[in-house]
Amino acid sequence: MEKTAGIIAEYNPLHRGHQFHIQQTRRVTGAKSVIVVMSGDYVQRGEPAIFDKYIRTQMALQAGADLVIELPVEYACASAEFFALGSVKILDCLGIVTDLCFGSEAGNLAFFLEVSKILTEEPQDYRTLLTDCLRRGMSFPLARQEALLSYLYSNASGLSAKTLADFKEFLAKPNNILGIEYSKALYQLSSSIIPHTIPRSGSGYHEEQLCDPSQSYSSASAIRQAIFSQKEDLSVLSAHVPRPCLEVFTGSVCQDLAVKADDFSLLLHMRLLQENAGSLSSYLDVSRDLANRIQNLKRQYQSFSQFTQLLKTRELTYTRIQRALLHILLGIKKAPPISYVRILGVRKESRHLLSRIQKSCSLPVAVTPAKALKDLPAHCQEDLRFQTYVCDLYESVRCNKNQSPFCPESSRPLLVL
């Protein structure tokens, strides 16, 4: 079977480190083709992507990907567990992906396999420890980390203090956490896809300062910060983007196509004014306590980011709250099973992947929204209509911001580069 590797990404925006990942994926796996499952117009941090999915798809293809598939919004802006599960499910159902390669701070697969097995099987001792940590008021990520460390200390015979310290450091890194979830999803799905990890190179995941491009790769967070701060000229920003992507990147910045959470502030406020504590708790990731807090504080609402900060508590992280608010804004109350696969773009020389996927995929394949809305089974059409709605919402905000013509999602063709 011809080797085909999968990558899961947001490309928010795509930078030189992402191009390196694509190149390393080919090298490590020996794959002839690389398929990317990418977030659409909203990302896991609970905010709109800086550029729309078509700009980011074009950059991904220019950086070396062969084909790009959209991750449905309910999974794209979900917790790490569901983000990973949705992404891996798509790769697995294609029927042609042999390998999955993800970046991590660890760069070693052993810890991922060990931890993912514990989290999937959930031994009774581990569940007891997790429950105890949660009862003590820890956030879920911290509770899981502490429960895992306690479980490993108690149950792994011969575990040295150094190995335990290594595990603690391992569990604190954001890309490692995603890697655990990818490995766990493969385990849960009994997938034949083989996981690989490569060391993440460059600035830290949350680093907000641009680095010297001759020495390292800047983070996507730093590039976003630089775009919105307007303190960096375009030539400085361009040094952090792969050369083949420069034209579309610089064009997007110059045309003011970048959006951020606060561009959606008025829409979010409108939705909050329509809700009460009872109705708010029906949205995905909105607990009863958070719903009450939103209701009690919404008179102090000023903007998306300000309100997120106002709602933040010791137990609830900024990202968790922002994700919950985005679910309210978009009307997401559940994450339905993935019912179809939406292909966003493909390289001309890789169009054979389309026919391979259409023959092998266990789910219906959507290539263009207009045709898919006629041809897909009824339940798939319902899911696609919702995806179309949230994309049109993004497009309307962007068009209002830069005074450009509105382009409906239903009229978008497959991007062929």
Protein backbone atom coordinates (compact mmCIF):
# COMPACT_ATOMS: atom_id res chain seq x y z
CA MET A 1 0.00 0.00 0.00
CA GLU A 2 1.30 3.45 -0.93
CA LYS A 3 2.30 5.38 2.19
CA THR A 4 0.16 8.44 2.87
CA ALA A 5 0.80 10.52 5.97
CA GLY A 6 -1.67 12.62 7.93
CA ILE A 7 -1.08 15.90 9.75
CA ILE A 8 -3.54 17.66 12.08
CA ALA A 9 -3.17 21.43 12.13
CA GLU A 10 -4.70 24.87 12.50
CA TYR A 11 -2.12 26.91 10.54
CA ASN A 12 -3.23 30.03 12.37
CA PRO A 13 -1.33 31.30 10.43
CA LEU A 14 1.03 28.91 8.67
CA HIS A 15 4.70 29.68 9.30
CA ARG A 16 8.13 28.24 8.53
CA GLY A 17 7.91 25.79 11.43
CA HIS A 18 4.80 24.28 9.87
CA GLN A 19 6.58 23.91 6.54
CA PHE A 20 9.41 22.13 8.38
CA HIS A 21 6.84 19.78 9.95
CA ILE A 22 5.45 18.87 6.52
CA GLN A 23 8.95 18.21 5.21
CA GLN A 24 9.89 16.13 8.25
CA THR A 25 6.66 14.15 7.99
CA ARG A 26 7.67 12.98 4.52
CA ARG A 27 11.17 12.14 5.75
CA VAL A 28 10.15 10.29 8.93
CA THR A 29 7.27 8.30 7.43
CA GLY A 30 8.56 7.81 3.90
CA ALA A 31 5.13 8.90 2.66
CA LYS A 32 4.58 9.92 -0.93
CA SER A 33 1.60 12.15 -0.04
CA VAL A 34 0.68 14.33 2.95
CA ILE A 35 -2.97 14.99 3.86
CA VAL A 36 -3.78 17.75 6.35
CA VAL A 37 -6.90 17.86 8.52
CA MET A 38 -7.22 21.56 9.30
CA SER A 39 -9.56 23.67 11.45
CA GLY A 40 -11.97 25.74 9.39
CA ASP A 41 -12.77 29.34 10.27
CA TYR A 42 -12.64 28.83 14.06
CA VAL A 43 -9.86 27.34 16.15
CA GLN A 44 -9.30 25.41 19.34
CA ARG A 45 -8.50 28.48 21.44
CA GLY A 46 -12.18 29.40 21.08
CA GLU A 47 -11.77 32.23 18.60
CA PRO A 48 -11.95 32.91 14.85
CA ALA A 49 -8.92 31.92 12.80
CA ILE A 50 -6.83 34.93 11.82
CA PHE A 51 -7.38 34.18 8.11
CA ASP A 52 -10.25 32.24 6.58
CA LYS A 53 -9.89 28.56 5.77
CA TYR A 54 -9.35 29.16 2.04
CA ILE A 55 -6.38 31.46 2.59
CA ARG A 56 -4.91 28.97 5.05
CA THR A 57 -5.62 26.04 2.70
CA GLN A 58 -3.79 27.81 -0.10
CA MET A 59 -0.81 28.42 2.17
CA ALA A 60 -0.81 24.77 3.29
CA LEU A 61 -0.72 23.53 -0.32
CA GLN A 62 2.00 26.03 -1.20
CA ALA A 63 4.02 24.85 1.81
CA GLY A 64 3.98 21.23 0.62
CA ALA A 65 0.70 19.59 1.67
CA ASP A 66 -1.01 17.54 -1.05
CA LEU A 67 -4.61 17.77 0.12
CA VAL A 68 -6.47 19.67 2.87
CA ILE A 69 -9.63 18.48 4.66
CA GLU A 70 -11.77 20.62 6.95
CA LEU A 71 -12.29 19.69 10.59
CA PRO A 72 -15.94 20.48 11.48
CA VAL A 73 -16.36 23.48 13.75
CA GLU A 74 -17.79 21.47 16.68
CA TYR A 75 -14.45 19.63 16.89
CA ALA A 76 -12.19 22.46 15.73
CA CYS A 77 -13.15 24.63 18.72
CA ALA A 78 -13.46 21.80 21.24
CA SER A 79 -11.17 20.64 24.04
CA ALA A 80 -7.95 18.86 23.10
CA GLU A 81 -9.63 15.46 23.55
CA PHE A 82 -12.44 16.08 21.06
CA PHE A 83 -10.27 18.13 18.69
CA ALA A 84 -7.94 15.14 18.43
CA LEU A 85 -10.70 12.52 18.27
CA GLY A 86 -12.50 14.31 15.42
CA SER A 87 -9.30 14.84 13.47
CA VAL A 88 -8.06 11.26 13.86
CA LYS A 89 -11.51 9.92 13.02
CA ILE A 90 -11.39 11.77 9.68
CA LEU A 91 -7.92 10.49 8.84
CA ASP A 92 -8.90 6.96 9.81
CA CYS A 93 -12.13 6.92 7.78
CA LEU A 94 -10.34 7.99 4.58
CA GLY A 95 -9.02 4.46 4.21
CA ILE A 96 -5.72 5.55 2.65
CA VAL A 97 -3.77 7.15 5.53
CA THR A 98 -1.01 4.91 6.83
CA ASP A 99 0.83 7.24 9.23
CA LEU A 100 0.18 10.22 11.50
CA CYS A 101 2.99 12.62 12.35
CA PHE A 102 2.66 15.30 15.04
CA GLY A 103 5.08 17.72 16.59
CA SER A 104 5.80 17.62 20.30
CA GLU A 105 8.14 19.00 22.90
CA ALA A 106 9.10 15.43 23.83
CA GLY A 107 10.01 14.13 20.38
CA ASN A 108 9.84 10.58 21.74
CA LEU A 109 6.83 8.30 21.25
CA ALA A 110 7.25 6.10 24.34
CA PHE A 111 5.63 8.47 26.87
CA PHE A 112 2.70 9.12 24.53
CA LEU A 113 1.92 5.42 24.19
CA GLU A 114 2.22 4.80 27.94
CA VAL A 115 -0.01 7.70 28.96
CA SER A 116 -2.60 7.19 26.21
CA LYS A 117 -3.06 3.58 27.31
CA ILE A 118 -3.78 4.64 30.91
CA LEU A 119 -6.19 7.37 29.83
CA THR A 120 -8.05 5.04 27.47
CA GLU A 121 -8.35 2.06 29.82
CA GLU A 122 -8.82 4.25 32.94
CA PRO A 123 -7.82 1.78 35.68
CA GLN A 124 -9.88 2.08 38.86
CA ASP A 125 -6.96 3.48 40.86
CA TYR A 126 -6.49 6.24 38.30
CA ARG A 127 -10.22 7.11 38.27
CA THR A 128 -10.23 7.35 42.08
CA LEU A 129 -7.22 9.68 42.03
CA LEU A 130 -8.79 11.86 39.32
CA THR A 131 -12.07 12.16 41.23
CA ASP A 132 -10.19 13.16 44.37
CA CYS A 133 -8.24 15.88 42.51
CA LEU A 134 -11.42 17.28 40.97
CA ARG A 135 -13.14 17.34 44.36
CA ARG A 136 -10.26 19.46 45.64
CA GLY A 137 -11.19 22.14 43.09
CA MET A 138 -8.50 21.55 40.49
CA SER A 139 -9.20 22.33 36.84
CA PHE A 140 -9.57 19.18 34.76
CA PRO A 141 -6.16 19.48 32.98
CA LEU A 142 -4.35 19.94 36.32
CA ALA A 143 -6.40 17.19 38.00
CA ARG A 144 -5.58 14.77 35.21
CA GLN A 145 -1.90 15.61 35.43
CA GLU A 146 -1.78 15.09 39.17
CA ALA A 147 -3.80 11.86 38.98
CA LEU A 148 -1.54 10.47 36.27
CA LEU A 149 1.60 11.28 38.22
CA SER A 150 0.20 9.74 41.40
CA TYR A 151 -0.94 6.65 39.49
CA LEU A 152 2.45 6.22 37.82
CA TYR A 153 4.26 6.66 41.12
CA SER A 154 2.06 4.06 42.82
CA ASN A 155 1.76 1.49 40.04
CA ALA A 156 4.90 1.63 37.91
CA SER A 157 7.40 -0.61 39.62
CA GLY A 158 10.95 0.63 39.48
CA LEU A 159 9.97 4.11 38.31
CA SER A 160 12.89 6.38 39.17
CA ALA A 161 12.55 9.88 40.56
CA LYS A 162 14.10 11.21 37.36
CA THR A 163 11.57 9.39 35.18
CA LEU A 164 8.75 10.72 37.35
CA ALA A 165 10.15 14.25 36.98
CA ASP A 166 10.40 13.69 33.22
CA PHE A 167 6.75 12.62 33.14
CA LYS A 168 5.73 15.74 35.08
CA GLU A 169 7.55 17.99 32.63
CA PHE A 170 6.12 15.98 29.72
CA LEU A 171 2.52 16.47 30.91
CA ALA A 172 2.95 20.24 31.27
CA LYS A 173 3.71 20.93 27.60
CA PRO A 174 0.83 21.94 25.28
CA ASN A 175 1.95 20.05 22.17
CA ASN A 176 2.62 16.94 24.27
CA ILE A 177 -0.94 17.15 25.58
CA LEU A 178 -2.29 17.19 22.02
CA GLY A 179 0.03 14.32 21.12
CA ILE A 180 -1.38 12.28 24.00
CA GLU A 181 -4.88 12.90 22.67
CA TYR A 182 -3.87 11.87 19.13
CA SER A 183 -2.34 8.66 20.47
CA LYS A 184 -5.39 8.02 22.65
CA ALA A 185 -7.75 8.55 19.71
CA LEU A 186 -5.82 6.04 17.60
CA TYR A 187 -6.03 3.56 20.49
CA GLN A 188 -9.77 4.13 20.99
CA LEU A 189 -10.55 3.72 17.29
CA SER A 190 -8.32 0.62 16.99
CA SER A 191 -6.81 2.43 14.03
CA SER A 192 -4.10 0.89 11.88
CA ILE A 193 -2.53 4.34 11.42
CA ILE A 194 1.01 4.40 12.81
CA PRO A 195 1.86 7.43 15.01
CA HIS A 196 5.16 9.31 14.78
CA THR A 197 6.35 12.40 16.60
CA ILE A 198 9.08 14.87 15.79
CA PRO A 199 10.61 17.40 18.21
CA ARG A 200 8.92 20.78 17.98
CA SER A 201 11.48 23.33 16.81
CA GLY A 202 11.41 27.03 17.54
CA SER A 203 9.63 29.31 20.03
CA GLY A 204 7.27 28.02 22.69
CA TYR A 205 3.62 27.46 21.83
CA HIS A 206 2.44 30.60 23.67
CA GLU A 207 5.51 32.78 22.99
CA GLU A 208 4.30 36.19 21.82
CA GLN A 209 7.59 37.72 20.70
CA LEU A 210 9.01 37.20 17.23
CA CYS A 211 12.39 35.50 17.25
CA ASP A 212 15.35 35.87 14.93
CA PRO A 213 14.20 33.95 11.82
CA SER A 214 17.77 32.93 11.04
CA GLN A 215 17.99 31.18 14.41
CA SER A 216 14.55 29.70 15.07
CA TYR A 217 10.87 29.55 14.10
CA SER A 218 8.49 32.08 15.63
CA SER A 219 5.24 30.76 17.07
CA ALA A 220 1.88 31.36 15.43
CA SER A 221 0.92 33.33 18.57
CA ALA A 222 3.84 35.72 18.03
CA ILE A 223 2.99 36.22 14.36
CA ARG A 224 -0.67 36.93 15.18
CA GLN A 225 0.39 39.39 17.85
CA ALA A 226 2.71 41.16 15.40
CA ILE A 227 0.00 41.39 12.71
CA PHE A 228 -2.53 42.96 15.07
CA SER A 229 -0.12 45.21 16.95
CA GLN A 230 0.97 46.85 13.66
CA LYS A 231 4.37 47.44 15.22
CA GLU A 232 6.16 45.27 12.69
CA ASP A 233 6.47 46.17 9.04
CA LEU A 234 5.55 43.60 6.44
CA SER A 235 9.14 42.77 5.55
CA VAL A 236 9.81 41.71 9.16
CA LEU A 237 6.67 39.53 9.24
CA SER A 238 7.46 38.00 5.86
CA ALA A 239 10.70 36.51 7.17
CA HIS A 240 8.63 34.10 9.29
CA VAL A 241 6.54 32.73 6.42
CA PRO A 242 7.61 30.07 3.87
CA ARG A 243 8.76 31.68 0.63
CA PRO A 244 6.11 29.95 -1.55
CA CYS A 245 3.37 31.43 0.69
CA LEU A 246 4.63 35.01 0.78
CA GLU A 247 2.32 36.44 -1.87
CA VAL A 248 -0.90 35.17 -0.32
CA PHE A 249 0.29 36.06 3.20
CA THR A 250 1.36 39.62 2.40
CA GLY A 251 -1.75 40.15 0.27
CA SER A 252 -3.99 39.00 3.11
CA VAL A 253 -2.31 41.32 5.62
CA CYS A 254 -2.30 44.30 3.24
CA GLN A 255 -5.98 43.82 2.40
CA ASP A 256 -6.85 43.75 6.11
CA LEU A 257 -8.27 40.22 5.88
CA ALA A 258 -7.15 39.26 9.39
CA VAL A 259 -9.85 38.94 12.05
CA LYS A 260 -9.81 38.40 15.81
CA ALA A 261 -12.25 37.55 18.58
CA ASP A 262 -13.14 41.17 19.35
CA ASP A 263 -14.40 41.63 15.79
CA PHE A 264 -17.24 39.32 16.91
CA SER A 265 -17.99 41.29 20.09
CA LEU A 266 -21.30 42.76 18.96
CA LEU A 267 -22.59 39.40 17.70
CA LEU A 268 -21.68 37.72 20.98
CA HIS A 269 -23.33 40.47 23.01
CA MET A 270 -26.51 40.08 20.98
CA ARG A 271 -26.57 36.34 21.67
CA LEU A 272 -25.97 36.83 25.41
CA LEU A 273 -28.82 39.33 25.63
CA GLN A 274 -31.16 36.67 24.23
CA GLU A 275 -30.18 34.08 26.84
CA ASN A 276 -30.78 33.41 30.52
CA ALA A 277 -28.92 31.17 32.98
CA GLY A 278 -31.08 28.17 32.11
CA SER A 279 -30.70 28.46 28.34
CA LEU A 280 -26.98 29.24 28.54
CA SER A 281 -26.26 25.91 30.23
CA SER A 282 -27.60 24.09 27.15
CA TYR A 283 -24.54 25.12 25.12
CA LEU A 284 -21.51 22.88 24.80
CA ASP A 285 -18.91 23.37 27.57
CA VAL A 286 -21.16 25.79 29.51
CA SER A 287 -21.60 24.41 33.02
CA ARG A 288 -24.42 25.58 35.29
CA ASP A 289 -21.92 27.57 37.37
CA LEU A 290 -20.48 29.27 34.30
CA ALA A 291 -23.98 29.98 32.97
CA ASN A 292 -24.90 31.68 36.26
CA ARG A 293 -21.66 33.66 36.20
CA ILE A 294 -22.32 34.83 32.63
CA GLN A 295 -25.87 35.85 33.55
CA ASN A 296 -24.76 37.74 36.65
CA LEU A 297 -21.95 39.62 34.89
CA LYS A 298 -23.34 40.28 31.44
CA ARG A 299 -24.33 43.86 32.30
CA GLN A 300 -20.60 44.54 32.51
CA TYR A 301 -20.00 43.24 28.97
CA GLN A 302 -17.73 45.41 26.82
CA SER A 303 -16.05 43.05 24.35
CA PHE A 304 -15.37 39.37 23.69
CA SER A 305 -11.89 39.48 25.24
CA GLN A 306 -12.86 41.76 28.15
CA PHE A 307 -15.81 39.53 29.09
CA THR A 308 -13.67 36.39 28.88
CA GLN A 309 -11.19 37.95 31.30
CA LEU A 310 -14.04 39.04 33.59
CA LEU A 311 -15.40 35.48 33.76
CA LYS A 312 -12.03 33.85 34.44
CA THR A 313 -11.64 32.03 37.77
CA ARG A 314 -9.05 29.78 39.36
CA GLU A 315 -10.96 26.71 38.17
CA LEU A 316 -11.78 27.98 34.67
CA THR A 317 -8.99 28.85 32.25
CA TYR A 318 -9.21 31.75 29.81
CA THR A 319 -9.26 29.36 26.86
CA ARG A 320 -12.02 27.22 28.37
CA ILE A 321 -14.23 30.29 28.88
CA GLN A 322 -13.47 31.71 25.45
CA ARG A 323 -14.37 28.35 23.91
CA ALA A 324 -17.68 28.30 25.81
CA LEU A 325 -18.51 31.83 24.64
CA LEU A 326 -17.76 30.88 21.05
CA HIS A 327 -20.14 27.93 21.38
CA ILE A 328 -22.86 30.34 22.54
CA LEU A 329 -22.10 32.73 19.69
CA LEU A 330 -22.24 29.99 17.05
CA GLY A 331 -25.12 28.09 18.65
CA ILE A 332 -23.17 24.88 19.30
CA LYS A 333 -24.98 22.66 21.80
CA LYS A 334 -23.43 19.30 20.95
CA ALA A 335 -20.74 17.71 18.82
CA PRO A 336 -22.56 15.34 16.46
CA PRO A 337 -20.72 12.35 14.99
CA ILE A 338 -18.73 13.30 11.91
CA SER A 339 -21.04 12.42 9.03
CA TYR A 340 -19.05 13.40 5.94
CA VAL A 341 -15.59 14.52 4.81
CA ARG A 342 -15.20 18.01 3.31
CA ILE A 343 -12.20 18.50 1.03
CA LEU A 344 -11.02 22.11 0.85
CA GLY A 345 -8.10 21.95 -1.57
CA VAL A 346 -5.68 19.76 -3.49
CA ARG A 347 -2.53 20.17 -5.53
CA LYS A 348 -2.93 19.50 -9.27
CA GLU A 349 -0.34 16.75 -9.25
CA SER A 350 -2.07 15.10 -6.29
CA ARG A 351 -5.59 14.92 -7.69
CA HIS A 352 -5.32 11.13 -7.76
CA LEU A 353 -5.89 11.36 -3.97
CA LEU A 354 -9.44 12.54 -4.62
CA SER A 355 -10.37 9.37 -6.50
CA ARG A 356 -8.57 7.19 -3.95
CA ILE A 357 -10.50 8.83 -1.11
CA GLN A 358 -13.84 8.62 -2.90
CA LYS A 359 -13.28 4.88 -3.42
CA SER A 360 -11.98 4.08 0.07
CA CYS A 361 -13.64 6.55 2.45
CA SER A 362 -16.21 5.08 4.84
CA LEU A 363 -18.10 8.40 4.92
CA PRO A 364 -19.62 10.48 2.10
CA VAL A 365 -17.18 12.93 0.54
CA ALA A 366 -18.07 16.60 -0.10
CA VAL A 367 -15.93 18.44 -2.64
CA THR A 368 -18.02 21.57 -3.27
CA PRO A 369 -20.78 22.78 -0.89
CA ALA A 370 -23.33 23.54 -3.61
CA LYS A 371 -23.20 20.02 -5.05
CA ALA A 372 -22.89 18.37 -1.63
CA LEU A 373 -26.04 20.13 -0.40
CA LYS A 374 -27.92 18.29 -3.16
CA ASP A 375 -26.14 14.94 -3.22
CA LEU A 376 -25.27 14.09 0.40
CA PRO A 377 -27.66 11.99 2.54
CA ALA A 378 -30.20 14.09 4.46
CA HIS A 379 -28.42 13.95 7.84
CA CYS A 380 -25.14 15.00 6.19
CA GLN A 381 -26.89 17.91 4.47
CA GLU A 382 -28.12 19.14 7.85
CA ASP A 383 -24.57 19.06 9.24
CA LEU A 384 -23.18 20.78 6.15
CA ARG A 385 -25.82 23.52 6.33
CA PHE A 386 -24.66 24.33 9.87
CA GLN A 387 -21.01 24.44 8.76
CA THR A 388 -22.07 26.73 5.91
CA TYR A 389 -23.88 29.03 8.36
CA VAL A 390 -20.89 29.47 10.70
CA CYS A 391 -18.58 30.09 7.72
CA ASP A 392 -20.99 32.72 6.35
CA LEU A 393 -21.01 34.34 9.80
CA TYR A 394 -17.20 34.58 9.71
CA GLU A 395 -17.29 35.93 6.16
CA SER A 396 -19.88 38.57 7.08
CA VAL A 397 -17.72 39.86 9.95
CA ARG A 398 -14.62 39.96 7.78
CA CYS A 399 -16.44 41.74 4.94
CA ASN A 400 -17.90 44.30 7.30
CA LYS A 401 -14.45 44.95 8.73
CA ASN A 402 -12.64 45.54 5.43
CA GLN A 403 -15.61 46.61 3.29
CA SER A 404 -15.17 43.80 0.76
CA PRO A 405 -17.90 41.91 -1.16
CA PHE A 406 -19.54 39.00 0.66
CA CYS A 407 -18.77 35.56 -0.80
CA PRO A 408 -21.22 32.87 0.44
CA GLU A 409 -19.80 29.52 1.47
CA SER A 410 -22.18 27.68 -0.87
CA SER A 411 -20.51 29.27 -3.91
CA ARG A 412 -16.94 28.29 -3.00
CA PRO A 413 -15.22 25.89 -5.43
CA LEU A 414 -12.59 23.29 -4.56
CA LEU A 415 -9.22 25.03 -4.39
CA VAL A 416 -6.86 23.42 -6.92
CA LEU A 417 -3.30 24.70 -6.89
